[in-house]
PDB file of N, CA and C in Angstrom:
ATOM      1  N   MET A   1       0.583  -1.362   0.009  1.00  0.00           N
ATOM      2  CA  MET A   1       0.267  -0.106  -0.038  1.00  0.00           C
ATOM      3  C   MET A   1       0.965   1.215   0.208  1.00  0.00           C
ATOM      4  N   LYS A   2       0.531   2.173  -0.877  1.00  0.00           N
ATOM      5  CA  LYS A   2       1.221   3.425  -1.100  1.00  0.00           C
ATOM      6  C   LYS A   2       1.280   4.400   0.473  1.00  0.00           C
ATOM      7  N   THR A   3       1.594   5.684   0.423  1.00  0.00           N
ATOM      8  CA  THR A   3       1.473   5.990   1.510  1.00  0.00           C
ATOM      9  C   THR A   3       0.738   7.569   0.959  1.00  0.00           C
ATOM     10  N   ILE A   4       0.493   8.200   1.994  1.00  0.00           N
ATOM     11  CA  ILE A   4      -0.358   9.592   1.501  1.00  0.00           C
ATOM     12  C   ILE A   4       0.304  10.565   0.300  1.00  0.00           C
ATOM     13  N   ARG A   5       2.023  10.642   0.930  1.00  0.00           N
ATOM     14  CA  ARG A   5       2.489  11.436   0.062  1.00  0.00           C
ATOM     15  C   ARG A   5       3.169  10.714  -0.958  1.00  0.00           C
ATOM     16  N   GLU A   6       2.622   9.241  -0.868  1.00  0.00           N
ATOM     17  CA  GLU A   6       2.990   8.801  -2.368  1.00  0.00           C
ATOM     18  C   GLU A   6       1.962   8.968  -3.048  1.00  0.00           C
ATOM     19  N   HIS A   7       0.562   8.786  -2.660  1.00  0.00           N
ATOM     20  CA  HIS A   7      -0.215   9.648  -3.321  1.00  0.00           C
ATOM     21  C   HIS A   7      -0.325  11.122  -4.179  1.00  0.00           C
ATOM     22  N   LEU A   8      -0.154  12.121  -3.299  1.00  0.00           N
ATOM     23  CA  LEU A   8      -0.098  13.201  -3.115  1.00  0.00           C
ATOM     24  C   LEU A   8       0.918  13.787  -4.627  1.00  0.00           C
ATOM     25  N   GLU A   9       1.888  12.705  -4.450  1.00  0.00           N
ATOM     26  CA  GLU A   9       2.972  12.834  -5.493  1.00  0.00           C
ATOM     27  C   GLU A   9       2.517  12.937  -6.899  1.00  0.00           C
ATOM     28  N   THR A  10       1.732  12.265  -6.954  1.00  0.00           N
ATOM     29  CA  THR A  10       0.498  11.939  -8.330  1.00  0.00           C
ATOM     30  C   THR A  10      -0.008  12.909  -8.700  1.00  0.00           C
ATOM     31  N   LEU A  11      -0.543  14.075  -8.054  1.00  0.00           N
ATOM     32  CA  LEU A  11      -0.882  15.309  -8.385  1.00  0.00           C
ATOM     33  C   LEU A  11      -0.303  16.257  -9.434  1.00  0.00           C
ATOM     34  N   PRO A  12      -0.641  16.692 -10.642  1.00  0.00           N
ATOM     35  CA  PRO A  12      -0.367  17.707 -11.607  1.00  0.00           C
ATOM     36  C   PRO A  12       0.786  18.754 -10.970  1.00  0.00           C
ATOM     37  N   GLU A  13       1.731  20.208 -10.828  1.00  0.00           N
ATOM     38  CA  GLU A  13       1.931  20.668 -10.014  1.00  0.00           C
ATOM     39  C   GLU A  13       0.905  21.600 -10.544  1.00  0.00           C
ATOM     40  N   PRO A  14       0.291  23.131  -9.631  1.00  0.00           N
ATOM     41  CA  PRO A  14       1.365  23.017  -8.717  1.00  0.00           C
ATOM     42  C   PRO A  14       0.193  22.890  -7.621  1.00  0.00           C
ATOM     43  N   TRP A  15      -0.665  21.004  -7.613  1.00  0.00           N
ATOM     44  CA  TRP A  15      -1.462  20.888  -6.723  1.00  0.00           C
ATOM     45  C   TRP A  15      -0.624  19.881  -5.859  1.00  0.00           C
ATOM     46  N   ARG A  16       0.690  19.185  -6.722  1.00  0.00           N
ATOM     47  CA  ARG A  16       0.983  18.484  -5.427  1.00  0.00           C
ATOM     48  C   ARG A  16       2.368  19.259  -4.564  1.00  0.00           C
ATOM     49  N   THR A  17       2.696  19.826  -4.711  1.00  0.00           N
ATOM     50  CA  THR A  17       3.064  20.955  -3.940  1.00  0.00           C
ATOM     51  C   THR A  17       2.421  21.633  -3.078  1.00  0.00           C
ATOM     52  N   GLN A  18       1.530  22.417  -3.595  1.00  0.00           N
ATOM     53  CA  GLN A  18       0.503  22.885  -2.408  1.00  0.00           C
ATOM     54  C   GLN A  18      -0.161  21.559  -1.626  1.00  0.00           C
ATOM     55  N   ALA A  19      -0.543  20.380  -2.451  1.00  0.00           N
ATOM     56  CA  ALA A  19      -1.064  19.486  -1.170  1.00  0.00           C
ATOM     57  C   ALA A  19       0.336  18.764  -0.382  1.00  0.00           C
ATOM     58  N   LEU A  20       0.919  19.036  -0.216  1.00  0.00           N
ATOM     59  CA  LEU A  20       2.243  18.333   0.133  1.00  0.00           C
ATOM     60  C   LEU A  20       2.920  19.540   0.974  1.00  0.00           C
ATOM     61  N   GLU A  21       2.502  20.776   1.012  1.00  0.00           N
ATOM     62  CA  GLU A  21       2.716  21.333   2.168  1.00  0.00           C
ATOM     63  C   GLU A  21       1.387  21.331   2.975  1.00  0.00           C
ATOM     64  N   ASN A  22       0.280  21.684   2.507  1.00  0.00           N
ATOM     65  CA  ASN A  22      -0.554  21.934   3.571  1.00  0.00           C
ATOM     66  C   ASN A  22      -1.029  20.685   4.196  1.00  0.00           C
ATOM     67  N   THR A  23       0.021  19.145   4.087  1.00  0.00           N
ATOM     68  CA  THR A  23      -0.102  17.775   4.788  1.00  0.00           C
ATOM     69  C   THR A  23       0.801  17.778   5.779  1.00  0.00           C
ATOM     70  N   PRO A  24       0.640  17.286   7.047  1.00  0.00           N
ATOM     71  CA  PRO A  24       1.356  17.673   7.840  1.00  0.00           C
ATOM     72  C   PRO A  24       2.812  16.360   8.161  1.00  0.00           C
ATOM     73  N   LYS A  25       4.082  16.750   8.385  1.00  0.00           N
ATOM     74  CA  LYS A  25       4.650  15.633   7.612  1.00  0.00           C
ATOM     75  C   LYS A  25       4.408  13.616   8.682  1.00  0.00           C
ATOM     76  N   GLU A  26       3.715  13.676   9.490  1.00  0.00           N
ATOM     77  CA  GLU A  26       3.154  12.696  10.200  1.00  0.00           C
ATOM     78  C   GLU A  26       2.123  11.813   9.715  1.00  0.00           C
ATOM     79  N   LYS A  27       1.703  12.513   9.236  1.00  0.00           N
ATOM     80  CA  LYS A  27       0.072  12.558   7.943  1.00  0.00           C
ATOM     81  C   LYS A  27       0.492  11.495   6.556  1.00  0.00           C
ATOM     82  N   GLN A  28       1.782  12.454   6.338  1.00  0.00           N
ATOM     83  CA  GLN A  28       2.223  12.289   4.719  1.00  0.00           C
ATOM     84  C   GLN A  28       2.253  10.417   4.700  1.00  0.00           C
ATOM     85  N   ALA A  29       3.038  10.274   6.256  1.00  0.00           N
ATOM     86  CA  ALA A  29       3.936   9.112   6.471  1.00  0.00           C
ATOM     87  C   ALA A  29       2.686   7.311   6.758  1.00  0.00           C
ATOM     88  N   GLU A  30       1.431   8.305   6.675  1.00  0.00           N
ATOM     89  CA  GLU A  30       0.574   7.525   6.951  1.00  0.00           C
ATOM     90  C   GLU A  30      -0.048   6.478   5.534  1.00  0.00           C
ATOM     91  N   ASP A  31      -0.354   5.077   5.744  1.00  0.00           N
ATOM     92  CA  ASP A  31      -0.922   4.253   4.759  1.00  0.00           C
ATOM     93  C   ASP A  31      -1.834   4.807   4.272  1.00  0.00           C
ATOM     94  N   SER A  32      -2.386   4.408   2.516  1.00  0.00           N
ATOM     95  CA  SER A  32      -3.973   5.052   2.108  1.00  0.00           C
ATOM     96  C   SER A  32      -3.843   4.577   1.156  1.00  0.00           C
ATOM     97  N   PRO A  33      -4.968   4.012   0.868  1.00  0.00           N
ATOM     98  CA  PRO A  33      -5.333   2.707  -0.477  1.00  0.00           C
ATOM     99  C   PRO A  33      -5.487   3.546  -1.596  1.00  0.00           C
ATOM    100  N   SER A  34      -5.789   5.049  -1.577  1.00  0.00           N
ATOM    101  CA  SER A  34      -5.734   5.809  -3.112  1.00  0.00           C
ATOM    102  C   SER A  34      -5.549   6.528  -2.419  1.00  0.00           C
ATOM    103  N   LEU A  35      -5.623   7.579  -3.966  1.00  0.00           N
ATOM    104  CA  LEU A  35      -5.406   9.192  -4.160  1.00  0.00           C
ATOM    105  C   LEU A  35      -6.912   9.972  -3.395  1.00  0.00           C
ATOM    106  N   VAL A  36      -7.722   9.106  -3.391  1.00  0.00           N
ATOM    107  CA  VAL A  36      -9.596   9.975  -3.377  1.00  0.00           C
ATOM    108  C   VAL A  36      -9.405   9.769  -2.225  1.00  0.00           C
ATOM    109  N   HIS A  37      -8.665   8.783  -1.104  1.00  0.00           N
ATOM    110  CA  HIS A  37      -8.759   8.550   0.064  1.00  0.00           C
ATOM    111  C   HIS A  37      -7.858   9.569   0.874  1.00  0.00           C
ATOM    112  N   SER A  38      -6.004   9.925   0.416  1.00  0.00           N
ATOM    113  CA  SER A  38      -5.480  10.497   0.727  1.00  0.00           C
ATOM    114  C   SER A  38      -5.812  11.864   0.871  1.00  0.00           C
ATOM    115  N   LEU A  39      -6.703  12.392  -0.662  1.00  0.00           N
ATOM    116  CA  LEU A  39      -6.705  14.488  -0.807  1.00  0.00           C
ATOM    117  C   LEU A  39      -7.947  14.454   0.614  1.00  0.00           C
ATOM    118  N   PHE A  40      -8.911  13.010   0.698  1.00  0.00           N
ATOM    119  CA  PHE A  40      -9.635  13.565   1.510  1.00  0.00           C
ATOM    120  C   PHE A  40      -9.651  13.595   3.029  1.00  0.00           C
ATOM    121  N   ASN A  41      -8.012  12.866   3.341  1.00  0.00           N
ATOM    122  CA  ASN A  41      -7.621  12.356   4.928  1.00  0.00           C
ATOM    123  C   ASN A  41      -6.435  13.359   5.086  1.00  0.00           C
ATOM    124  N   ALA A  42      -5.360  14.095   4.227  1.00  0.00           N
ATOM    125  CA  ALA A  42      -4.592  14.732   4.187  1.00  0.00           C
ATOM    126  C   ALA A  42      -4.401  16.096   5.092  1.00  0.00           C
ATOM    127  N   PHE A  43      -5.273  17.063   5.055  1.00  0.00           N
ATOM    128  CA  PHE A  43      -5.558  18.015   5.599  1.00  0.00           C
ATOM    129  C   PHE A  43      -6.960  18.654   5.570  1.00  0.00           C
ATOM    130  N   ALA A  44      -7.260  19.756   6.301  1.00  0.00           N
ATOM    131  CA  ALA A  44      -8.826  20.167   6.379  1.00  0.00           C
ATOM    132  C   ALA A  44      -8.798  21.303   4.987  1.00  0.00           C
ATOM    133  N   TRP A  45      -9.516  20.827   4.137  1.00  0.00           N
ATOM    134  CA  TRP A  45      -8.961  22.049   3.150  1.00  0.00           C
ATOM    135  C   TRP A  45      -9.974  23.302   2.746  1.00  0.00           C
ATOM    136  N   SER A  46     -10.724  23.609   4.065  1.00  0.00           N
ATOM    137  CA  SER A  46     -11.013  24.558   4.240  1.00  0.00           C
ATOM    138  C   SER A  46     -10.296  25.476   4.899  1.00  0.00           C
ATOM    139  N   GLU A  47      -9.429  24.828   5.860  1.00  0.00           N
ATOM    140  CA  GLU A  47      -8.383  25.629   5.973  1.00  0.00           C
ATOM    141  C   GLU A  47      -6.923  25.915   5.371  1.00  0.00           C
ATOM    142  N   SER A  48      -6.867  25.207   4.424  1.00  0.00           N
ATOM    143  CA  SER A  48      -5.647  25.143   3.327  1.00  0.00           C
ATOM    144  C   SER A  48      -5.645  26.716   2.897  1.00  0.00           C
ATOM    145  N   PRO A  49      -4.659  27.208   2.396  1.00  0.00           N
ATOM    146  CA  PRO A  49      -4.355  28.890   1.981  1.00  0.00           C
ATOM    147  C   PRO A  49      -5.280  28.374   0.886  1.00  0.00           C
ATOM    148  N   GLN A  50      -5.667  27.657  -0.213  1.00  0.00           N
ATOM    149  CA  GLN A  50      -6.378  27.638  -1.123  1.00  0.00           C
ATOM    150  C   GLN A  50      -8.121  27.452  -0.856  1.00  0.00           C
ATOM    151  N   GLY A  51      -8.131  27.318   0.044  1.00  0.00           N
ATOM    152  CA  GLY A  51      -9.526  26.889   0.785  1.00  0.00           C
ATOM    153  C   GLY A  51     -10.059  25.958  -0.151  1.00  0.00           C
ATOM    154  N   GLU A  52     -11.307  25.194   0.284  1.00  0.00           N
ATOM    155  CA  GLU A  52     -12.025  24.191   0.266  1.00  0.00           C
ATOM    156  C   GLU A  52     -12.654  23.741  -1.329  1.00  0.00           C
ATOM    157  N   ASP A  53     -12.907  25.124  -2.228  1.00  0.00           N
ATOM    158  CA  ASP A  53     -13.327  24.657  -3.479  1.00  0.00           C
ATOM    159  C   ASP A  53     -12.167  24.029  -4.525  1.00  0.00           C
ATOM    160  N   PRO A  54     -10.645  24.290  -4.629  1.00  0.00           N
ATOM    161  CA  PRO A  54     -10.057  23.847  -5.251  1.00  0.00           C
ATOM    162  C   PRO A  54     -10.022  21.985  -5.118  1.00  0.00           C
ATOM    163  N   TRP A  55     -10.122  22.235  -3.704  1.00  0.00           N
ATOM    164  CA  TRP A  55      -9.785  20.521  -3.338  1.00  0.00           C
ATOM    165  C   TRP A  55     -10.679  19.661  -3.449  1.00  0.00           C
ATOM    166  N   HIS A  56     -11.923  20.415  -3.108  1.00  0.00           N
ATOM    167  CA  HIS A  56     -13.312  19.378  -3.265  1.00  0.00           C
ATOM    168  C   HIS A  56     -13.106  19.071  -5.012  1.00  0.00           C
ATOM    169  N   ALA A  57     -12.768  20.258  -5.891  1.00  0.00           N
ATOM    170  CA  ALA A  57     -13.008  20.021  -7.055  1.00  0.00           C
ATOM    171  C   ALA A  57     -11.876  18.637  -7.830  1.00  0.00           C
ATOM    172  N   ILE A  58     -10.676  18.796  -7.003  1.00  0.00           N
ATOM    173  CA  ILE A  58      -9.352  18.267  -7.541  1.00  0.00           C
ATOM    174  C   ILE A  58      -9.546  16.633  -7.219  1.00  0.00           C
ATOM    175  N   TRP A  59     -10.587  16.467  -6.118  1.00  0.00           N
ATOM    176  CA  TRP A  59     -10.895  15.465  -5.403  1.00  0.00           C
ATOM    177  C   TRP A  59     -12.068  14.842  -6.179  1.00  0.00           C
ATOM    178  N   MET A  60     -13.203  15.697  -6.838  1.00  0.00           N
ATOM    179  CA  MET A  60     -14.293  14.885  -7.402  1.00  0.00           C
ATOM    180  C   MET A  60     -13.492  14.621  -8.813  1.00  0.00           C
ATOM    181  N   GLN A  61     -12.433  15.264  -9.488  1.00  0.00           N
ATOM    182  CA  GLN A  61     -11.779  14.746 -10.726  1.00  0.00           C
ATOM    183  C   GLN A  61     -11.311  13.409 -10.506  1.00  0.00           C
ATOM    184  N   ALA A  62     -11.011  12.930  -9.213  1.00  0.00           N
ATOM    185  CA  ALA A  62      -9.658  11.711  -8.901  1.00  0.00           C
ATOM    186  C   ALA A  62     -10.909  10.863  -8.380  1.00  0.00           C
ATOM    187  N   LYS A  63     -11.614  10.920  -7.995  1.00  0.00           N
ATOM    188  CA  LYS A  63     -13.080   9.858  -8.491  1.00  0.00           C
ATOM    189  C   LYS A  63     -13.008   8.985  -9.578  1.00  0.00           C
ATOM    190  N   GLN A  64     -12.690  10.317 -10.672  1.00  0.00           N
ATOM    191  CA  GLN A  64     -13.340   9.676 -11.938  1.00  0.00           C
ATOM    192  C   GLN A  64     -12.200   9.273 -12.495  1.00  0.00           C
ATOM    193  N   GLY A  65     -10.951   9.019 -12.016  1.00  0.00           N
ATOM    194  CA  GLY A  65      -9.766   8.792 -12.848  1.00  0.00           C
ATOM    195  C   GLY A  65      -8.707   9.675 -12.667  1.00  0.00           C
ATOM    196  N   PRO A  66      -7.906   9.737 -13.181  1.00  0.00           N
ATOM    197  CA  PRO A  66      -6.649  10.922 -13.415  1.00  0.00           C
ATOM    198  C   PRO A  66      -6.869  12.297 -13.465  1.00  0.00           C
ATOM    199  N   VAL A  67      -6.044  12.412 -12.003  1.00  0.00           N
ATOM    200  CA  VAL A  67      -6.236  14.468 -12.140  1.00  0.00           C
ATOM    201  C   VAL A  67      -5.470  14.615 -13.377  1.00  0.00           C
ATOM    202  N   THR A  68      -6.102  15.617 -14.083  1.00  0.00           N
ATOM    203  CA  THR A  68      -5.220  16.636 -15.124  1.00  0.00           C
ATOM    204  C   THR A  68      -5.384  18.361 -14.662  1.00  0.00           C
ATOM    205  N   LEU A  69      -5.026  18.907 -15.273  1.00  0.00           N
ATOM    206  CA  LEU A  69      -4.450  20.329 -14.828  1.00  0.00           C
ATOM    207  C   LEU A  69      -5.415  20.935 -16.031  1.00  0.00           C
ATOM    208  N   THR A  70      -6.442  21.029 -15.319  1.00  0.00           N
ATOM    209  CA  THR A  70      -7.710  21.293 -16.291  1.00  0.00           C
ATOM    210  C   THR A  70      -7.435  23.054 -16.388  1.00  0.00           C
ATOM    211  N   ILE A  71      -8.511  23.762 -17.128  1.00  0.00           N
ATOM    212  CA  ILE A  71      -8.470  25.250 -17.178  1.00  0.00           C
ATOM    213  C   ILE A  71      -9.070  25.870 -15.593  1.00  0.00           C
ATOM    214  N   GLU A  72     -10.280  24.707 -15.583  1.00  0.00           N
ATOM    215  CA  GLU A  72     -10.791  25.021 -14.035  1.00  0.00           C
ATOM    216  C   GLU A  72      -9.785  25.344 -12.932  1.00  0.00           C
ATOM    217  N   LEU A  73      -9.201  24.424 -13.099  1.00  0.00           N
ATOM    218  CA  LEU A  73      -8.035  23.666 -11.897  1.00  0.00           C
ATOM    219  C   LEU A  73      -6.890  24.785 -11.810  1.00  0.00           C
ATOM    220  N   VAL A  74      -6.321  25.349 -12.973  1.00  0.00           N
ATOM    221  CA  VAL A  74      -5.768  26.502 -13.529  1.00  0.00           C
ATOM    222  C   VAL A  74      -6.438  27.635 -12.419  1.00  0.00           C
ATOM    223  N   ALA A  75      -7.709  28.278 -13.077  1.00  0.00           N
ATOM    224  CA  ALA A  75      -8.520  29.371 -12.528  1.00  0.00           C
ATOM    225  C   ALA A  75      -7.985  28.967 -10.886  1.00  0.00           C
ATOM    226  N   PHE A  76      -8.563  28.447 -10.670  1.00  0.00           N
ATOM    227  CA  PHE A  76      -8.910  27.602  -9.265  1.00  0.00           C
ATOM    228  C   PHE A  76      -7.424  28.003  -8.257  1.00  0.00           C
ATOM    229  N   SER A  77      -6.186  27.941  -8.789  1.00  0.00           N
ATOM    230  CA  SER A  77      -5.352  28.168  -8.231  1.00  0.00           C
ATOM    231  C   SER A  77      -4.888  29.496  -8.462  1.00  0.00           C
ATOM    232  N   LEU A  78      -4.753  29.848  -9.381  1.00  0.00           N
ATOM    233  CA  LEU A  78      -4.811  30.908  -9.299  1.00  0.00           C
ATOM    234  C   LEU A  78      -5.447  32.329  -8.551  1.00  0.00           C
ATOM    235  N   MET A  79      -6.913  31.947  -8.478  1.00  0.00           N
ATOM    236  CA  MET A  79      -7.779  32.792  -8.234  1.00  0.00           C
ATOM    237  C   MET A  79      -7.498  32.725  -6.405  1.00  0.00           C
ATOM    238  N   SER A  80      -6.689  31.453  -5.710  1.00  0.00           N
ATOM    239  CA  SER A  80      -6.957  30.900  -4.351  1.00  0.00           C
ATOM    240  C   SER A  80      -5.754  31.550  -3.979  1.00  0.00           C
ATOM    241  N   ARG A  81      -4.827  31.979  -5.069  1.00  0.00           N
ATOM    242  CA  ARG A  81      -3.238  32.313  -4.752  1.00  0.00           C
ATOM    243  C   ARG A  81      -3.137  34.043  -4.270  1.00  0.00           C
ATOM    244  N   LEU A  82      -4.168  34.577  -4.940  1.00  0.00           N
ATOM    245  CA  LEU A  82      -4.277  36.096  -5.421  1.00  0.00           C
ATOM    246  C   LEU A  82      -5.524  36.501  -4.265  1.00  0.00           C
ATOM    247  N   GLU A  83      -5.870  35.689  -4.155  1.00  0.00           N
ATOM    248  CA  GLU A  83      -6.878  35.756  -2.479  1.00  0.00           C
ATOM    249  C   GLU A  83      -6.309  35.872  -1.531  1.00  0.00           C
ATOM    250  N   ALA A  84      -5.448  34.874  -1.067  1.00  0.00           N
ATOM    251  CA  ALA A  84      -4.094  34.623  -0.326  1.00  0.00           C
ATOM    252  C   ALA A  84      -3.698  35.700  -0.031  1.00  0.00           C
ATOM    253  N   HIS A  85      -3.031  36.298  -0.758  1.00  0.00           N
ATOM    254  CA  HIS A  85      -2.036  37.633  -0.965  1.00  0.00           C
ATOM    255  C   HIS A  85      -2.413  38.683  -0.958  1.00  0.00           C
ATOM    256  N   GLN A  86      -4.089  38.898  -1.366  1.00  0.00           N
ATOM    257  CA  GLN A  86      -5.008  40.038  -1.695  1.00  0.00           C
ATOM    258  C   GLN A  86      -4.552  40.924  -0.471  1.00  0.00           C
ATOM    259  N   THR A  87      -4.172  40.733   0.903  1.00  0.00           N
ATOM    260  CA  THR A  87      -4.399  41.547   2.242  1.00  0.00           C
ATOM    261  C   THR A  87      -2.863  42.137   2.050  1.00  0.00           C
ATOM    262  N   GLU A  88      -2.011  41.482   1.114  1.00  0.00           N
ATOM    263  CA  GLU A  88      -0.825  41.411   1.871  1.00  0.00           C
ATOM    264  C   GLU A  88      -0.069  42.274  -0.005  1.00  0.00           C
ATOM    265  N   ARG A  89      -1.485  42.199  -0.700  1.00  0.00           N
ATOM    266  CA  ARG A  89      -1.138  43.692  -2.233  1.00  0.00           C
ATOM    267  C   ARG A  89       0.088  44.512  -1.527  1.00  0.00           C
ATOM    268  N   CYS A  90       0.962  44.533  -2.766  1.00  0.00           N
ATOM    269  CA  CYS A  90       1.659  45.591  -3.314  1.00  0.00           C
ATOM    270  C   CYS A  90       1.084  46.408  -3.459  1.00  0.00           C
ATOM    271  N   THR A  91       0.649  48.221  -3.228  1.00  0.00           N
ATOM    272  CA  THR A  91       0.290  49.665  -3.609  1.00  0.00           C
ATOM    273  C   THR A  91       1.308  50.188  -3.636  1.00  0.00           C
ATOM    274  N   CYS A  92       2.887  49.831  -4.006  1.00  0.00           N
ATOM    275  CA  CYS A  92       4.208  50.777  -4.024  1.00  0.00           C
ATOM    276  C   CYS A  92       3.828  51.452  -5.228  1.00  0.00           C
ATOM    277  N   GLY A  93       3.310  51.259  -6.487  1.00  0.00           N
ATOM    278  CA  GLY A  93       3.569  51.825  -7.790  1.00  0.00           C
ATOM    279  C   GLY A  93       5.403  51.822  -8.448  1.00  0.00           C
ATOM    280  N   VAL A  94       6.140  50.991  -7.829  1.00  0.00           N
ATOM    281  CA  VAL A  94       7.762  51.306  -8.270  1.00  0.00           C
ATOM    282  C   VAL A  94       7.693  50.207  -9.559  1.00  0.00           C
ATOM    283  N   GLU A  95       7.985  50.800 -10.553  1.00  0.00           N
ATOM    284  CA  GLU A  95       8.367  50.030 -11.807  1.00  0.00           C
ATOM    285  C   GLU A  95       8.951  48.756 -11.631  1.00  0.00           C
ATOM    286  N   GLY A  96       8.825  47.143 -11.327  1.00  0.00           N
ATOM    287  CA  GLY A  96       9.797  45.736 -11.586  1.00  0.00           C
ATOM    288  C   GLY A  96       9.811  45.898 -10.115  1.00  0.00           C
ATOM    289  N   CYS A  97       8.616  46.058  -9.310  1.00  0.00           N
ATOM    290  CA  CYS A  97       8.427  45.113  -8.069  1.00  0.00           C
ATOM    291  C   CYS A  97       7.897  43.720  -7.843  1.00  0.00           C
ATOM    292  N   PRO A  98       8.607  42.967  -7.269  1.00  0.00           N
ATOM    293  CA  PRO A  98       8.502  41.455  -7.852  1.00  0.00           C
ATOM    294  C   PRO A  98       6.984  40.968  -6.800  1.00  0.00           C
ATOM    295  N   ARG A  99       6.654  42.243  -5.773  1.00  0.00           N
ATOM    296  CA  ARG A  99       5.219  41.519  -4.981  1.00  0.00           C
ATOM    297  C   ARG A  99       3.948  42.143  -6.282  1.00  0.00           C
ATOM    298  N   CYS A 100       4.662  43.217  -7.004  1.00  0.00           N
ATOM    299  CA  CYS A 100       3.261  43.915  -8.346  1.00  0.00           C
ATOM    300  C   CYS A 100       2.922  43.110  -9.116  1.00  0.00           C
ATOM    301  N   ALA A 101       4.575  42.531  -9.528  1.00  0.00           N
ATOM    302  CA  ALA A 101       4.300  41.904 -10.641  1.00  0.00           C
ATOM    303  C   ALA A 101       3.668  41.120 -10.399  1.00  0.00           C
ATOM    304  N   VAL A 102       3.561  39.962  -9.505  1.00  0.00           N
ATOM    305  CA  VAL A 102       3.278  38.767  -8.936  1.00  0.00           C
ATOM    306  C   VAL A 102       1.463  38.703  -9.757  1.00  0.00           C
ATOM    307  N   TYR A 103       1.087  39.414  -8.480  1.00  0.00           N
ATOM    308  CA  TYR A 103      -0.236  39.918  -8.497  1.00  0.00           C
ATOM    309  C   TYR A 103      -0.792  40.617  -9.847  1.00  0.00           C
ATOM    310  N   GLU A 104      -0.097  41.473 -10.393  1.00  0.00           N
ATOM    311  CA  GLU A 104      -0.624  41.878 -11.981  1.00  0.00           C
ATOM    312  C   GLU A 104      -0.679  40.554 -12.405  1.00  0.00           C
ATOM    313  N   GLY A 105       0.927  39.863 -12.682  1.00  0.00           N
ATOM    314  CA  GLY A 105       0.103  38.888 -13.522  1.00  0.00           C
ATOM    315  C   GLY A 105      -0.491  37.510 -13.195  1.00  0.00           C
ATOM    316  N   ASP A 106      -1.005  37.240 -11.862  1.00  0.00           N
ATOM    317  CA  ASP A 106      -2.120  36.596 -11.611  1.00  0.00           C
ATOM    318  C   ASP A 106      -3.321  37.076 -12.391  1.00  0.00           C
ATOM    319  N   LEU A 107      -3.617  38.292 -11.681  1.00  0.00           N
ATOM    320  CA  LEU A 107      -5.099  39.458 -12.040  1.00  0.00           C
ATOM    321  C   LEU A 107      -4.961  38.898 -13.765  1.00  0.00           C
ATOM    322  N   ALA A 108      -4.120  39.435 -14.163  1.00  0.00           N
ATOM    323  CA  ALA A 108      -4.231  39.050 -15.904  1.00  0.00           C
ATOM    324  C   ALA A 108      -4.536  37.649 -16.112  1.00  0.00           C
ATOM    325  N   VAL A 109      -3.992  36.371 -16.069  1.00  0.00           N
ATOM    326  CA  VAL A 109      -4.539  35.390 -16.141  1.00  0.00           C
ATOM    327  C   VAL A 109      -6.339  34.736 -16.153  1.00  0.00           C
ATOM    328  N   ILE A 110      -6.159  35.378 -14.989  1.00  0.00           N
ATOM    329  CA  ILE A 110      -7.672  34.812 -14.344  1.00  0.00           C
ATOM    330  C   ILE A 110      -8.559  36.417 -14.967  1.00  0.00           C
ATOM    331  N   ASN A 111      -8.359  37.044 -15.595  1.00  0.00           N
ATOM    332  CA  ASN A 111      -9.621  38.313 -16.501  1.00  0.00           C
ATOM    333  C   ASN A 111      -8.912  37.489 -18.211  1.00  0.00           C
ATOM    334  N   GLN A 112      -7.957  36.787 -18.414  1.00  0.00           N
ATOM    335  CA  GLN A 112      -7.748  36.247 -19.744  1.00  0.00           C
ATOM    336  C   GLN A 112      -8.697  34.959 -19.520  1.00  0.00           C
ATOM    337  N   TYR A 113      -9.054  33.835 -18.290  1.00  0.00           N
ATOM    338  CA  TYR A 113      -9.551  32.917 -17.920  1.00  0.00           C
ATOM    339  C   TYR A 113     -11.163  33.017 -17.724  1.00  0.00           C
ATOM    340  N   LYS A 114     -11.610  34.761 -17.603  1.00  0.00           N
ATOM    341  CA  LYS A 114     -12.633  35.161 -17.550  1.00  0.00           C
ATOM    342  C   LYS A 114     -13.120  35.605 -18.904  1.00  0.00           C
ATOM    343  N   ALA A 115     -12.684  35.759 -19.760  1.00  0.00           N
ATOM    344  CA  ALA A 115     -12.823  36.528 -21.068  1.00  0.00           C
ATOM    345  C   ALA A 115     -12.964  35.532 -21.976  1.00  0.00           C
ATOM    346  N   LEU A 116     -12.748  34.417 -21.331  1.00  0.00           N
ATOM    347  CA  LEU A 116     -13.203  32.944 -22.356  1.00  0.00           C
ATOM    348  C   LEU A 116     -14.498  32.584 -22.820  1.00  0.00           C
ATOM    349  N   PRO A 117     -15.081  32.155 -24.049  1.00  0.00           N
ATOM    350  CA  PRO A 117     -16.238  32.023 -23.921  1.00  0.00           C
ATOM    351  C   PRO A 117     -16.841  31.135 -23.152  1.00  0.00           C
ATOM    352  N   GLU A 118     -18.088  31.047 -22.755  1.00  0.00           N
ATOM    353  CA  GLU A 118     -18.432  29.945 -21.748  1.00  0.00           C
ATOM    354  C   GLU A 118     -18.195  28.482 -22.165  1.00  0.00           C
ATOM    355  N   SER A 119     -18.493  28.141 -23.428  1.00  0.00           N
ATOM    356  CA  SER A 119     -18.564  26.853 -24.354  1.00  0.00           C
ATOM    357  C   SER A 119     -16.948  26.443 -24.032  1.00  0.00           C
ATOM    358  N   SER A 120     -15.834  27.564 -23.923  1.00  0.00           N
ATOM    359  CA  SER A 120     -14.237  27.044 -23.645  1.00  0.00           C
ATOM    360  C   SER A 120     -13.887  26.897 -22.726  1.00  0.00           C
ATOM    361  N   ARG A 121     -15.031  27.048 -21.811  1.00  0.00           N
ATOM    362  CA  ARG A 121     -14.508  26.895 -20.405  1.00  0.00           C
ATOM    363  C   ARG A 121     -14.087  25.330 -19.602  1.00  0.00           C
TER     364      ARG A 121
END
């Protein structure tokens, strides 16, 4: 039987790294029969920096087969990261500020996603 860590390592990035960061080390070492079980038991989704929605979407996808990086999961990732840093958003206005660049880059990707026709989402 695989460990929770081994199952979480099968996720595509950025979910792999985020899931491992959210899961306590001692929990990662526990045996688990599946990725679905591992995702459900690794950590409290609602207490994660990403929030509950993206983890629920990943768990639902895992129940149906291999988890792939869909546009919905990309959008969840960007939106959750943006929301997590919104309170820390830099508004210095200095050209080239790395904190401003990350925020603006994420916002641009989210806006591109929102601009897609509904049928393409």
